[in-house]
């Protein structure tokens, strides 16, 4: 008798995370694909990311997911086939799929995720949809069945999703186009303007992860950054200030905290009281920015709970929803028939 496997998938803009029930493991790779002459797939995942910003004109290196939704369903299919392919599981030819999707997107955009699985020829038996915020909360160990308000701030690559949940449901959700990529672009723009230094997006991302800080520090730190001189066009290395970059990041981070205030203003008072006591829960890869918790506490007035490996909290939540009978009902098949 064939066993039906189950896969939980978090389609992040930057990374795709897949939980395989049979193998009890999580795949976490770059959600990116390299295509030559718009027809030949050269590489997928981390291998394709190595080509990013180094590729010739006839090779496109692109992300299939943008701003939390599918930008190219064909490219997304190829990424899925690469990571799932023959890895569906021993003694299994069919598979149930659990997809984490944002609450704050249209029904058409939600159906696109469903279509992606059913049309990708990856042996789908059933397709279940799970609110990202619910999976996120389960993944960090919150009992979502309780009648208590939980404030989640999921800061990803392209978006930040701010959600209020209670009793297994999303009460409020707001998604904005501010994430790690926006911070990288801000760093790029600032260094070009302040230091006449043109750097690549990978260099900006590395600066964000290893050097940048959400609040100013004393004494100020400095580091040397390689790039191209805007005036001469020659390779150079310039020493840059941590606190100056911090000042530049204040603008995109300010958009996040302003949206957070709007969500809090619309939160029912009894749920808000729970948040005042428990604070907010900060997840997503961008939440790893140094001292982001201090920045949030100062600007919003709530304590911040942070977690180890926050970029995988959603896929860990999907894993628990798949394997724990107490959480199975948090996943739902689309209520109405989907027509393509």
Protein backbone atom coordinates (compact mmCIF):
# COMPACT_ATOMS: atom_id res chain seq x y z
CA UNK A 1 0.00 0.00 0.00
CA UNK A 2 1.37 3.41 -1.00
CA UNK A 3 1.73 6.00 1.72
CA UNK A 4 0.65 9.56 0.95
CA UNK A 5 3.48 11.89 1.91
CA UNK A 6 2.95 15.52 2.96
CA UNK A 7 5.04 18.58 2.14
CA UNK A 8 4.80 21.99 3.80
CA UNK A 9 6.02 24.84 1.61
CA UNK A 10 6.84 28.44 2.52
CA UNK A 11 7.36 30.36 -0.74
CA UNK A 12 9.59 33.17 0.46
CA UNK A 13 10.78 35.83 -1.95
CA UNK A 14 14.40 35.16 -1.07
CA UNK A 15 14.29 31.52 0.07
CA UNK A 16 11.97 28.59 -0.42
CA UNK A 17 11.54 26.33 2.61
CA UNK A 18 10.08 22.83 2.22
CA UNK A 19 9.26 20.38 5.00
CA UNK A 20 9.12 16.69 3.97
CA UNK A 21 7.05 14.59 6.37
CA UNK A 22 8.45 11.24 5.25
CA UNK A 23 12.07 12.35 5.50
CA UNK A 24 11.44 14.57 8.55
CA UNK A 25 13.71 17.28 7.17
CA UNK A 26 13.55 20.87 5.94
CA UNK A 27 15.06 22.12 2.69
CA UNK A 28 16.01 25.80 2.79
CA UNK A 29 17.50 27.24 -0.40
CA UNK A 30 17.43 30.43 -2.43
CA UNK A 31 14.20 30.77 -4.38
CA UNK A 32 15.92 31.79 -7.59
CA UNK A 33 16.48 30.40 -11.08
CA UNK A 34 19.05 31.03 -13.84
CA UNK A 35 17.74 30.75 -17.42
CA UNK A 36 19.79 31.00 -20.61
CA UNK A 37 18.13 32.62 -23.66
CA UNK A 38 14.76 32.42 -21.90
CA UNK A 39 14.54 28.67 -22.43
CA UNK A 40 17.39 26.63 -20.91
CA UNK A 41 17.51 26.26 -17.13
CA UNK A 42 21.15 26.52 -16.03
CA UNK A 43 20.73 26.39 -12.25
CA UNK A 44 18.19 26.63 -9.44
CA UNK A 45 18.50 27.62 -5.78
CA UNK A 46 21.83 28.37 -4.12
CA UNK A 47 23.69 27.44 -7.31
CA UNK A 48 21.73 30.03 -9.29
CA UNK A 49 22.32 32.66 -6.60
CA UNK A 50 26.07 32.28 -7.13
CA UNK A 51 25.46 33.61 -10.67
CA UNK A 52 23.42 36.60 -9.47
CA UNK A 53 25.00 39.93 -10.54
CA UNK A 54 27.74 37.97 -12.34
CA UNK A 55 25.67 36.65 -15.24
CA UNK A 56 26.14 37.55 -18.94
CA UNK A 57 23.36 39.29 -20.88
CA UNK A 58 21.96 36.06 -22.30
CA UNK A 59 21.42 34.58 -18.82
CA UNK A 60 18.55 35.83 -16.64
CA UNK A 61 18.79 35.17 -12.91
CA UNK A 62 15.36 35.88 -11.44
CA UNK A 63 13.19 35.31 -8.37
CA UNK A 64 9.79 33.68 -9.18
CA UNK A 65 8.16 35.27 -6.09
CA UNK A 66 7.90 39.04 -5.67
CA UNK A 67 6.26 41.03 -2.87
CA UNK A 68 4.77 37.86 -1.38
CA UNK A 69 2.98 36.72 -4.55
CA UNK A 70 3.87 34.71 -7.66
CA UNK A 71 5.63 36.80 -10.29
CA UNK A 72 6.23 33.94 -12.76
CA UNK A 73 4.29 30.71 -12.36
CA UNK A 74 6.45 28.90 -14.94
CA UNK A 75 9.68 29.78 -13.13
CA UNK A 76 8.09 28.83 -9.81
CA UNK A 77 7.16 25.42 -11.26
CA UNK A 78 10.76 24.80 -12.28
CA UNK A 79 11.99 25.68 -8.81
CA UNK A 80 9.48 23.29 -7.25
CA UNK A 81 10.42 20.45 -9.59
CA UNK A 82 14.07 20.95 -8.75
CA UNK A 83 13.54 20.63 -5.01
CA UNK A 84 10.69 18.12 -4.98
CA UNK A 85 11.21 16.01 -8.10
CA UNK A 86 12.05 12.49 -6.99
CA UNK A 87 12.24 13.56 -3.35
CA UNK A 88 8.55 13.09 -2.59
CA UNK A 89 9.40 10.16 -0.38
CA UNK A 90 10.00 6.46 -0.09
CA UNK A 91 6.95 4.27 -0.85
CA UNK A 92 4.99 7.35 -1.93
CA UNK A 93 3.76 8.39 -5.36
CA UNK A 94 1.29 11.02 -4.26
CA UNK A 95 1.60 13.91 -1.90
CA UNK A 96 -0.52 16.36 0.08
CA UNK A 97 0.73 19.95 -0.05
CA UNK A 98 0.40 22.54 2.69
CA UNK A 99 1.10 26.08 1.48
CA UNK A 100 1.69 29.09 3.72
CA UNK A 101 0.19 32.17 2.06
CA UNK A 102 -0.20 35.78 3.20
CA UNK A 103 -3.59 36.88 4.51
CA UNK A 104 -3.35 40.33 2.97
CA UNK A 105 -3.46 39.32 -0.70
CA UNK A 106 -6.35 38.99 -3.14
CA UNK A 107 -8.31 35.80 -3.78
CA UNK A 108 -6.88 35.71 -7.30
CA UNK A 109 -3.35 35.77 -5.89
CA UNK A 110 -4.24 33.00 -3.42
CA UNK A 111 -5.65 30.87 -6.23
CA UNK A 112 -2.40 31.33 -8.13
CA UNK A 113 -0.58 29.40 -5.39
CA UNK A 114 -3.15 26.62 -5.65
CA UNK A 115 -2.76 26.54 -9.44
CA UNK A 116 1.01 26.41 -9.11
CA UNK A 117 0.83 23.09 -7.25
CA UNK A 118 -1.97 21.47 -9.27
CA UNK A 119 -0.38 22.32 -12.63
CA UNK A 120 3.26 21.56 -11.82
CA UNK A 121 3.08 17.79 -12.34
CA UNK A 122 4.44 17.04 -8.87
CA UNK A 123 1.96 14.31 -7.88
CA UNK A 124 -0.39 16.48 -5.85
CA UNK A 125 -3.28 14.67 -4.18
CA UNK A 126 -4.68 17.48 -2.00
CA UNK A 127 -3.65 21.10 -1.59
CA UNK A 128 -4.21 22.88 1.71
CA UNK A 129 -3.76 26.59 2.41
CA UNK A 130 -2.52 27.94 5.74
CA UNK A 131 -2.34 31.59 6.79
CA UNK A 132 1.33 32.51 7.10
CA UNK A 133 0.67 34.27 10.40
CA UNK A 134 -0.93 31.15 11.89
CA UNK A 135 1.93 28.91 10.73
CA UNK A 136 4.39 31.50 12.03
CA UNK A 137 2.81 31.50 15.50
CA UNK A 138 2.71 27.69 15.65
CA UNK A 139 6.35 27.56 14.55
CA UNK A 140 7.54 29.72 17.44
CA UNK A 141 5.60 27.69 19.99
CA UNK A 142 2.48 29.77 20.58
CA UNK A 143 -0.76 27.94 21.43
CA UNK A 144 -2.89 29.59 18.77
CA UNK A 145 -6.10 27.98 20.07
CA UNK A 146 -6.17 30.24 23.14
CA UNK A 147 -8.41 33.29 23.34
CA UNK A 148 -5.53 35.74 23.48
CA UNK A 149 -4.25 38.44 21.19
CA UNK A 150 -0.92 37.70 19.55
CA UNK A 151 0.98 40.34 17.56
CA UNK A 152 3.31 38.96 14.90
CA UNK A 153 5.72 41.01 12.80
CA UNK A 154 7.17 38.84 10.02
CA UNK A 155 9.95 40.74 8.24
CA UNK A 156 10.93 38.95 5.06
CA UNK A 157 12.94 39.84 1.98
CA UNK A 158 10.33 41.81 0.02
CA UNK A 159 7.57 42.36 2.56
CA UNK A 160 6.73 42.81 6.21
CA UNK A 161 3.47 41.21 7.32
CA UNK A 162 1.98 42.48 10.56
CA UNK A 163 -0.78 40.28 11.97
CA UNK A 164 -3.02 40.01 15.00
CA UNK A 165 -4.31 36.51 15.70
CA UNK A 166 -6.58 34.93 18.29
CA UNK A 167 -8.26 31.52 18.65
CA UNK A 168 -6.66 30.11 15.51
CA UNK A 169 -7.80 32.96 13.25
CA UNK A 170 -6.25 36.09 11.78
CA UNK A 171 -8.09 39.11 13.20
CA UNK A 172 -6.09 41.80 11.41
CA UNK A 173 -3.32 41.64 8.84
CA UNK A 174 -1.39 44.25 6.91
CA UNK A 175 1.41 43.57 4.42
CA UNK A 176 3.74 46.30 3.19
CA UNK A 177 6.53 46.27 0.59
CA UNK A 178 9.33 46.86 3.07
CA UNK A 179 11.78 44.05 3.80
CA UNK A 180 15.40 43.08 3.64
CA UNK A 181 15.67 43.91 -0.07
CA UNK A 182 14.50 47.47 0.59
CA UNK A 183 17.13 47.82 3.31
CA UNK A 184 19.78 46.56 0.88
CA UNK A 185 18.67 49.10 -1.74
CA UNK A 186 18.74 51.87 0.87
CA UNK A 187 22.32 50.97 1.80
CA UNK A 188 23.31 50.97 -1.89
CA UNK A 189 21.71 54.36 -2.49
CA UNK A 190 23.23 55.91 0.64
CA UNK A 191 26.80 54.79 -0.14
CA UNK A 192 26.51 56.08 -3.69
CA UNK A 193 25.24 59.45 -2.46
CA UNK A 194 27.47 59.87 0.60
CA UNK A 195 30.69 58.13 -0.46
CA UNK A 196 30.46 58.11 -4.29
CA UNK A 197 30.68 54.33 -3.95
CA UNK A 198 28.70 51.99 -6.18
CA UNK A 199 28.25 48.52 -4.66
CA UNK A 200 26.35 45.38 -5.69
CA UNK A 201 23.26 44.09 -3.94
CA UNK A 202 25.21 41.14 -2.51
CA UNK A 203 27.70 43.49 -0.89
CA UNK A 204 24.84 45.56 0.53
CA UNK A 205 23.19 42.43 1.90
CA UNK A 206 26.42 41.30 3.53
CA UNK A 207 26.86 44.75 5.11
CA UNK A 208 23.31 44.57 6.49
CA UNK A 209 23.92 41.15 8.04
CA UNK A 210 27.40 41.66 9.46
CA UNK A 211 27.82 45.38 10.10
CA UNK A 212 24.62 47.42 10.13
CA UNK A 213 22.58 48.24 13.23
CA UNK A 214 19.02 49.49 13.72
CA UNK A 215 20.06 52.08 16.35
CA UNK A 216 23.17 54.21 16.65
CA UNK A 217 25.96 53.01 18.90
CA UNK A 218 28.84 54.66 20.73
CA UNK A 219 31.60 54.56 19.76
CA UNK A 220 30.77 54.51 16.06
CA UNK A 221 32.11 51.50 14.15
CA UNK A 222 33.72 51.72 10.73
CA UNK A 223 34.53 49.17 8.07
CA UNK A 224 36.06 49.11 4.59
CA UNK A 225 33.71 48.39 1.69
CA UNK A 226 34.84 47.52 -1.87
CA UNK A 227 33.03 48.94 -4.88
CA UNK A 228 33.31 51.21 -7.92
CA UNK A 229 34.06 54.92 -7.68
CA UNK A 230 31.06 56.74 -9.18
CA UNK A 231 33.28 59.51 -10.62
CA UNK A 232 36.29 57.59 -12.00
CA UNK A 233 34.65 54.23 -12.67
CA UNK A 234 37.59 52.46 -11.05
CA UNK A 235 37.55 49.81 -8.28
CA UNK A 236 38.08 51.36 -4.84
CA UNK A 237 37.69 50.57 -1.15
CA UNK A 238 36.16 53.13 1.19
CA UNK A 239 35.77 53.24 4.96
CA UNK A 240 32.13 53.76 5.94
CA UNK A 241 30.37 54.64 9.19
CA UNK A 242 27.92 52.28 10.88
CA UNK A 243 25.92 55.09 12.44
CA UNK A 244 25.59 56.94 9.14
CA UNK A 245 24.10 53.84 7.52
CA UNK A 246 21.87 53.41 10.57
CA UNK A 247 20.51 56.90 9.94
CA UNK A 248 19.73 55.97 6.34
CA UNK A 249 17.84 52.83 7.43
CA UNK A 250 15.60 54.89 9.72
CA UNK A 251 13.31 55.77 6.79
CA UNK A 252 12.27 52.23 5.68
CA UNK A 253 12.18 51.01 9.28
CA UNK A 254 9.98 53.97 10.12
CA UNK A 255 7.42 52.80 7.56
CA UNK A 256 7.27 49.44 9.36
CA UNK A 257 6.69 51.00 12.79
CA UNK A 258 4.11 53.44 11.42
CA UNK A 259 2.16 50.53 9.90
CA UNK A 260 2.49 48.68 13.18
CA UNK A 261 0.90 51.65 14.98
CA UNK A 262 -2.00 51.64 12.50
CA UNK A 263 -2.62 47.93 13.15
CA UNK A 264 -2.49 48.48 16.91
CA UNK A 265 -4.97 51.35 16.67
CA UNK A 266 -7.44 49.01 14.95
CA UNK A 267 -6.93 46.15 17.39
CA UNK A 268 -9.83 45.44 19.81
CA UNK A 269 -8.93 46.68 23.33
CA UNK A 270 -9.06 43.25 25.01
CA UNK A 271 -6.59 41.82 22.49
CA UNK A 272 -4.39 44.90 22.80
CA UNK A 273 -4.18 44.27 26.54
CA UNK A 274 -2.68 40.84 25.84
CA UNK A 275 -0.07 42.44 23.57
CA UNK A 276 0.83 44.97 26.22
CA UNK A 277 1.54 42.09 28.57
CA UNK A 278 3.23 39.67 26.14
CA UNK A 279 4.76 42.09 23.63
CA UNK A 280 5.22 41.45 19.91
CA UNK A 281 6.80 38.45 18.21
CA UNK A 282 9.43 39.33 15.63
CA UNK A 283 10.18 36.74 12.94
CA UNK A 284 11.49 36.51 9.37
CA UNK A 285 15.06 36.71 8.12
CA UNK A 286 15.20 40.53 8.25
CA UNK A 287 14.43 40.41 11.99
CA UNK A 288 18.08 39.37 12.45
CA UNK A 289 19.18 42.99 11.91
CA UNK A 290 21.23 43.93 14.97
CA UNK A 291 19.34 45.73 17.76
CA UNK A 292 16.09 45.75 15.80
CA UNK A 293 14.33 44.76 19.02
CA UNK A 294 15.66 47.88 20.75
CA UNK A 295 14.47 50.02 17.85
CA UNK A 296 10.98 48.50 17.93
CA UNK A 297 10.63 48.82 21.68
CA UNK A 298 11.71 52.47 21.60
CA UNK A 299 9.41 53.48 18.75
CA UNK A 300 6.31 51.41 19.54
CA UNK A 301 6.56 50.87 23.30
CA UNK A 302 6.13 47.08 23.36
CA UNK A 303 8.70 44.52 24.36
CA UNK A 304 10.00 42.32 21.54
CA UNK A 305 10.31 38.53 21.54
CA UNK A 306 12.98 37.20 19.18
CA UNK A 307 13.82 33.65 18.18
CA UNK A 308 16.64 31.48 16.89
CA UNK A 309 16.52 30.89 13.14
CA UNK A 310 13.45 33.13 12.61
CA UNK A 311 13.49 32.66 8.83
CA UNK A 312 12.27 29.06 9.29
CA UNK A 313 9.51 29.69 11.83
CA UNK A 314 6.75 29.41 9.21
CA UNK A 315 7.93 26.12 7.73
CA UNK A 316 8.39 24.72 11.26
CA UNK A 317 4.79 25.71 11.91
CA UNK A 318 3.68 23.89 8.77
CA UNK A 319 5.55 20.82 9.97
CA UNK A 320 3.61 20.86 13.25
CA UNK A 321 0.30 21.46 11.47
CA UNK A 322 1.02 18.42 9.28
CA UNK A 323 2.16 16.08 12.06
CA UNK A 324 0.17 17.15 15.14
CA UNK A 325 -3.53 16.21 15.12
CA UNK A 326 -4.31 19.12 17.46
CA UNK A 327 -3.26 21.54 14.71
CA UNK A 328 -4.50 19.75 11.56
CA UNK A 329 -7.63 21.88 11.35
CA UNK A 330 -5.57 25.04 10.85
CA UNK A 331 -5.05 23.96 7.24
CA UNK A 332 -7.98 24.19 4.84
CA UNK A 333 -8.70 23.22 1.27
CA UNK A 334 -10.10 26.06 -0.88
CA UNK A 335 -13.84 26.32 -0.16
CA UNK A 336 -14.89 26.81 -3.72
CA UNK A 337 -13.86 25.01 -6.87
CA UNK A 338 -10.95 26.70 -8.61
CA UNK A 339 -11.39 27.19 -12.38
CA UNK A 340 -8.45 27.75 -14.66
